[in-house]
Amino acid sequence: LVSTALTIWLQAMCFKRLPAMDASLVLTTEPLWACMFGVLLLHDSLKVGDYIGGSLIICALLANEGVGFPSDDDEADTA
């Protein structure tokens, strides 16, 4: 219980100093990092669902960043 509370407190202290975009990127990719360390350190095997889930997380990040979508500034330039 103490170790969990300590890590959550430390995480909150670190994210308080980060810009919101950086913090959201780190928190959103946390499952991907956990999966990668599981494969590298524990020799865990990935299944199709794991790859699909990782792909969905990456697609959500790209959509959130606006990759592949025209911005409002681009539309104003063409009008």
C-alpha atoms as a PDB file:
ATOM      1  CA  LEU A   1       0.000   0.000   0.000  1.00  0.00           C
ATOM      2  CA  VAL A   2       2.786   2.425   0.893  1.00  0.00           C
ATOM      3  CA  SER A   3       4.747   1.729  -2.292  1.00  0.00           C
ATOM      4  CA  THR A   4       1.663   2.296  -4.456  1.00  0.00           C
ATOM      5  CA  ALA A   5       0.794   5.523  -2.673  1.00  0.00           C
ATOM      6  CA  LEU A   6       4.388   6.718  -2.983  1.00  0.00           C
ATOM      7  CA  THR A   7       4.570   6.088  -6.725  1.00  0.00           C
ATOM      8  CA  ILE A   8       1.229   7.794  -7.351  1.00  0.00           C
ATOM      9  CA  TRP A   9       2.363  10.791  -5.285  1.00  0.00           C
ATOM     10  CA  LEU A  10       5.681  10.987  -7.179  1.00  0.00           C
ATOM     11  CA  GLN A  11       3.861  10.707 -10.494  1.00  0.00           C
ATOM     12  CA  ALA A  12       1.525  13.552  -9.509  1.00  0.00           C
ATOM     13  CA  MET A  13       4.496  15.730  -8.499  1.00  0.00           C
ATOM     14  CA  CYS A  14       6.242  15.109 -11.830  1.00  0.00           C
ATOM     15  CA  PHE A  15       3.159  15.675 -13.970  1.00  0.00           C
ATOM     16  CA  LYS A  16       2.421  18.911 -12.170  1.00  0.00           C
ATOM     17  CA  ARG A  17       5.573  20.334 -13.754  1.00  0.00           C
ATOM     18  CA  LEU A  18       4.952  18.989 -17.272  1.00  0.00           C
ATOM     19  CA  PRO A  19       2.881  20.701 -19.938  1.00  0.00           C
ATOM     20  CA  ALA A  20      -0.537  19.107 -20.369  1.00  0.00           C
ATOM     21  CA  MET A  21       0.291  17.759 -23.835  1.00  0.00           C
ATOM     22  CA  ASP A  22       3.417  15.951 -22.622  1.00  0.00           C
ATOM     23  CA  ALA A  23       1.624  14.512 -19.604  1.00  0.00           C
ATOM     24  CA  SER A  24      -1.236  13.215 -21.733  1.00  0.00           C
ATOM     25  CA  LEU A  25       1.217  11.621 -24.148  1.00  0.00           C
ATOM     26  CA  VAL A  26       3.035   9.807 -21.338  1.00  0.00           C
ATOM     27  CA  LEU A  27      -0.168   8.645 -19.662  1.00  0.00           C
ATOM     28  CA  THR A  28      -1.800   7.539 -22.904  1.00  0.00           C
ATOM     29  CA  THR A  29       1.198   5.474 -24.001  1.00  0.00           C
ATOM     30  CA  GLU A  30       1.628   3.829 -20.586  1.00  0.00           C
ATOM     31  CA  PRO A  31      -0.037   0.559 -21.713  1.00  0.00           C
ATOM     32  CA  LEU A  32       2.300   0.419 -24.708  1.00  0.00           C
ATOM     33  CA  TRP A  33       5.357   0.818 -22.465  1.00  0.00           C
ATOM     34  CA  ALA A  34       4.066  -1.833 -20.069  1.00  0.00           C
ATOM     35  CA  CYS A  35       3.541  -4.210 -22.983  1.00  0.00           C
ATOM     36  CA  MET A  36       6.992  -3.511 -24.376  1.00  0.00           C
ATOM     37  CA  PHE A  37       8.692  -4.122 -21.027  1.00  0.00           C
ATOM     38  CA  GLY A  38       6.651  -7.307 -20.574  1.00  0.00           C
ATOM     39  CA  VAL A  39       7.912  -8.590 -23.908  1.00  0.00           C
ATOM     40  CA  LEU A  40      11.522  -7.526 -23.336  1.00  0.00           C
ATOM     41  CA  LEU A  41      11.950  -8.443 -19.686  1.00  0.00           C
ATOM     42  CA  LEU A  42       9.486 -11.272 -19.147  1.00  0.00           C
ATOM     43  CA  HIS A  43       9.524 -12.729 -22.676  1.00  0.00           C
ATOM     44  CA  ASP A  44       5.770 -12.307 -22.862  1.00  0.00           C
ATOM     45  CA  SER A  45       4.125 -13.130 -26.173  1.00  0.00           C
ATOM     46  CA  LEU A  46       1.698 -10.823 -27.921  1.00  0.00           C
ATOM     47  CA  LYS A  47      -1.537 -11.924 -29.515  1.00  0.00           C
ATOM     48  CA  VAL A  48      -3.575 -10.330 -32.288  1.00  0.00           C
ATOM     49  CA  GLY A  49      -5.724  -8.424 -29.801  1.00  0.00           C
ATOM     50  CA  ASP A  50      -2.617  -6.870 -28.265  1.00  0.00           C
ATOM     51  CA  TYR A  51      -1.490  -5.557 -31.638  1.00  0.00           C
ATOM     52  CA  ILE A  52      -4.972  -4.245 -32.407  1.00  0.00           C
ATOM     53  CA  GLY A  53      -5.155  -2.491 -29.031  1.00  0.00           C
ATOM     54  CA  GLY A  54      -1.733  -0.905 -29.505  1.00  0.00           C
ATOM     55  CA  SER A  55      -2.698   0.238 -32.984  1.00  0.00           C
ATOM     56  CA  LEU A  56      -5.883   1.828 -31.653  1.00  0.00           C
ATOM     57  CA  ILE A  57      -3.916   3.700 -28.985  1.00  0.00           C
ATOM     58  CA  ILE A  58      -1.488   5.027 -31.591  1.00  0.00           C
ATOM     59  CA  CYS A  59      -4.355   6.002 -33.927  1.00  0.00           C
ATOM     60  CA  ALA A  60      -6.061   7.846 -31.074  1.00  0.00           C
ATOM     61  CA  LEU A  61      -2.845   9.731 -30.324  1.00  0.00           C
ATOM     62  CA  LEU A  62      -2.439  10.694 -33.971  1.00  0.00           C
ATOM     63  CA  ALA A  63      -6.065  11.815 -34.207  1.00  0.00           C
ATOM     64  CA  ASN A  64      -5.650  13.863 -31.039  1.00  0.00           C
ATOM     65  CA  GLU A  65      -2.597  15.570 -32.535  1.00  0.00           C
ATOM     66  CA  GLY A  66      -4.494  16.265 -35.744  1.00  0.00           C
ATOM     67  CA  VAL A  67      -2.199  14.211 -37.956  1.00  0.00           C
ATOM     68  CA  GLY A  68      -3.845  13.718 -41.323  1.00  0.00           C
ATOM     69  CA  PHE A  69      -6.597  16.232 -40.663  1.00  0.00           C
ATOM     70  CA  PRO A  70      -6.624  19.769 -42.061  1.00  0.00           C
ATOM     71  CA  SER A  71      -6.403  22.455 -39.407  1.00  0.00           C
ATOM     72  CA  ASP A  72      -8.595  25.542 -39.284  1.00  0.00           C
ATOM     73  CA  ASP A  73      -5.633  27.605 -40.484  1.00  0.00           C
ATOM     74  CA  ASP A  74      -5.246  25.429 -43.598  1.00  0.00           C
ATOM     75  CA  GLU A  75      -8.911  25.870 -44.475  1.00  0.00           C
ATOM     76  CA  ALA A  76      -8.675  29.639 -44.050  1.00  0.00           C
ATOM     77  CA  ASP A  77      -5.710  29.794 -46.419  1.00  0.00           C
ATOM     78  CA  THR A  78      -7.606  28.031 -49.217  1.00  0.00           C
ATOM     79  CA  ALA A  79     -10.753  30.137 -48.879  1.00  0.00           C
END
